[in-house]
């Protein structure tokens, strides 16, 4: 299946509907931080973060 023509928005909406996916949303200008091991990413929204456990 070729997904290269599917929009990112459509892919995200499909993934958000899956059982093994958690969705986190930071609104515009809302700060967020993600830490994995020793690496940390800090920024501000808008952003949608998908945690995919598959």
C-alpha atoms as a PDB file:
ATOM      1  CA  UNK A   1       0.000   0.000   0.000  1.00  0.00           C
ATOM      2  CA  UNK A   2       1.451   3.368  -1.069  1.00  0.00           C
ATOM      3  CA  UNK A   3       0.808   5.983   1.614  1.00  0.00           C
ATOM      4  CA  UNK A   4       2.947   8.678   0.017  1.00  0.00           C
ATOM      5  CA  UNK A   5      -0.121  10.453  -1.420  1.00  0.00           C
ATOM      6  CA  UNK A   6      -2.062  10.417   1.877  1.00  0.00           C
ATOM      7  CA  UNK A   7      -1.947  13.725   3.741  1.00  0.00           C
ATOM      8  CA  UNK A   8      -0.157  13.903   7.067  1.00  0.00           C
ATOM      9  CA  UNK A   9      -3.389  15.106   8.692  1.00  0.00           C
ATOM     10  CA  UNK A  10      -5.250  12.011   7.466  1.00  0.00           C
ATOM     11  CA  UNK A  11      -2.470   9.702   8.673  1.00  0.00           C
ATOM     12  CA  UNK A  12      -2.481  11.330  12.129  1.00  0.00           C
ATOM     13  CA  UNK A  13      -6.272  11.098  12.405  1.00  0.00           C
ATOM     14  CA  UNK A  14      -6.139   7.393  11.541  1.00  0.00           C
ATOM     15  CA  UNK A  15      -3.357   6.709  14.031  1.00  0.00           C
ATOM     16  CA  UNK A  16      -5.192   8.631  16.782  1.00  0.00           C
ATOM     17  CA  UNK A  17      -8.137   6.243  16.397  1.00  0.00           C
ATOM     18  CA  UNK A  18      -5.995   3.153  17.065  1.00  0.00           C
ATOM     19  CA  UNK A  19      -6.092   1.319  20.391  1.00  0.00           C
ATOM     20  CA  UNK A  20      -2.325   1.325  20.987  1.00  0.00           C
ATOM     21  CA  UNK A  21      -1.901   5.077  20.416  1.00  0.00           C
ATOM     22  CA  UNK A  22      -1.986   7.820  23.040  1.00  0.00           C
ATOM     23  CA  UNK A  23      -2.368  11.426  21.898  1.00  0.00           C
ATOM     24  CA  UNK A  24      -1.024  14.503  23.652  1.00  0.00           C
ATOM     25  CA  UNK A  25      -1.750  18.022  22.419  1.00  0.00           C
ATOM     26  CA  UNK A  26      -0.004  21.272  23.307  1.00  0.00           C
ATOM     27  CA  UNK A  27      -2.048  24.323  22.398  1.00  0.00           C
ATOM     28  CA  UNK A  28      -0.458  27.383  20.755  1.00  0.00           C
ATOM     29  CA  UNK A  29       2.267  28.869  22.963  1.00  0.00           C
ATOM     30  CA  UNK A  30       1.794  26.108  25.577  1.00  0.00           C
ATOM     31  CA  UNK A  31       5.220  24.814  26.610  1.00  0.00           C
ATOM     32  CA  UNK A  32       5.977  21.101  26.491  1.00  0.00           C
ATOM     33  CA  UNK A  33       8.979  18.914  27.194  1.00  0.00           C
ATOM     34  CA  UNK A  34       9.835  15.351  26.188  1.00  0.00           C
ATOM     35  CA  UNK A  35      12.696  13.456  27.815  1.00  0.00           C
ATOM     36  CA  UNK A  36      14.019  10.115  26.582  1.00  0.00           C
ATOM     37  CA  UNK A  37      17.082   8.893  28.392  1.00  0.00           C
ATOM     38  CA  UNK A  38      19.427  11.861  28.496  1.00  0.00           C
ATOM     39  CA  UNK A  39      17.918  13.693  25.513  1.00  0.00           C
ATOM     40  CA  UNK A  40      15.316  16.396  26.162  1.00  0.00           C
ATOM     41  CA  UNK A  41      13.218  18.315  23.655  1.00  0.00           C
ATOM     42  CA  UNK A  42      11.543  21.480  24.927  1.00  0.00           C
ATOM     43  CA  UNK A  43       9.415  23.777  22.789  1.00  0.00           C
ATOM     44  CA  UNK A  44       5.955  25.291  22.634  1.00  0.00           C
ATOM     45  CA  UNK A  45       2.820  24.333  20.732  1.00  0.00           C
ATOM     46  CA  UNK A  46       0.882  23.935  18.697  1.00  0.00           C
ATOM     47  CA  UNK A  47       1.899  20.299  18.440  1.00  0.00           C
ATOM     48  CA  UNK A  48       0.305  16.854  18.458  1.00  0.00           C
ATOM     49  CA  UNK A  49       2.430  14.124  20.013  1.00  0.00           C
ATOM     50  CA  UNK A  50       1.577  10.487  19.325  1.00  0.00           C
ATOM     51  CA  UNK A  51       2.810   7.712  21.600  1.00  0.00           C
ATOM     52  CA  UNK A  52       2.611   4.556  19.515  1.00  0.00           C
ATOM     53  CA  UNK A  53       2.967   1.287  21.425  1.00  0.00           C
ATOM     54  CA  UNK A  54       3.038  -1.361  18.750  1.00  0.00           C
END
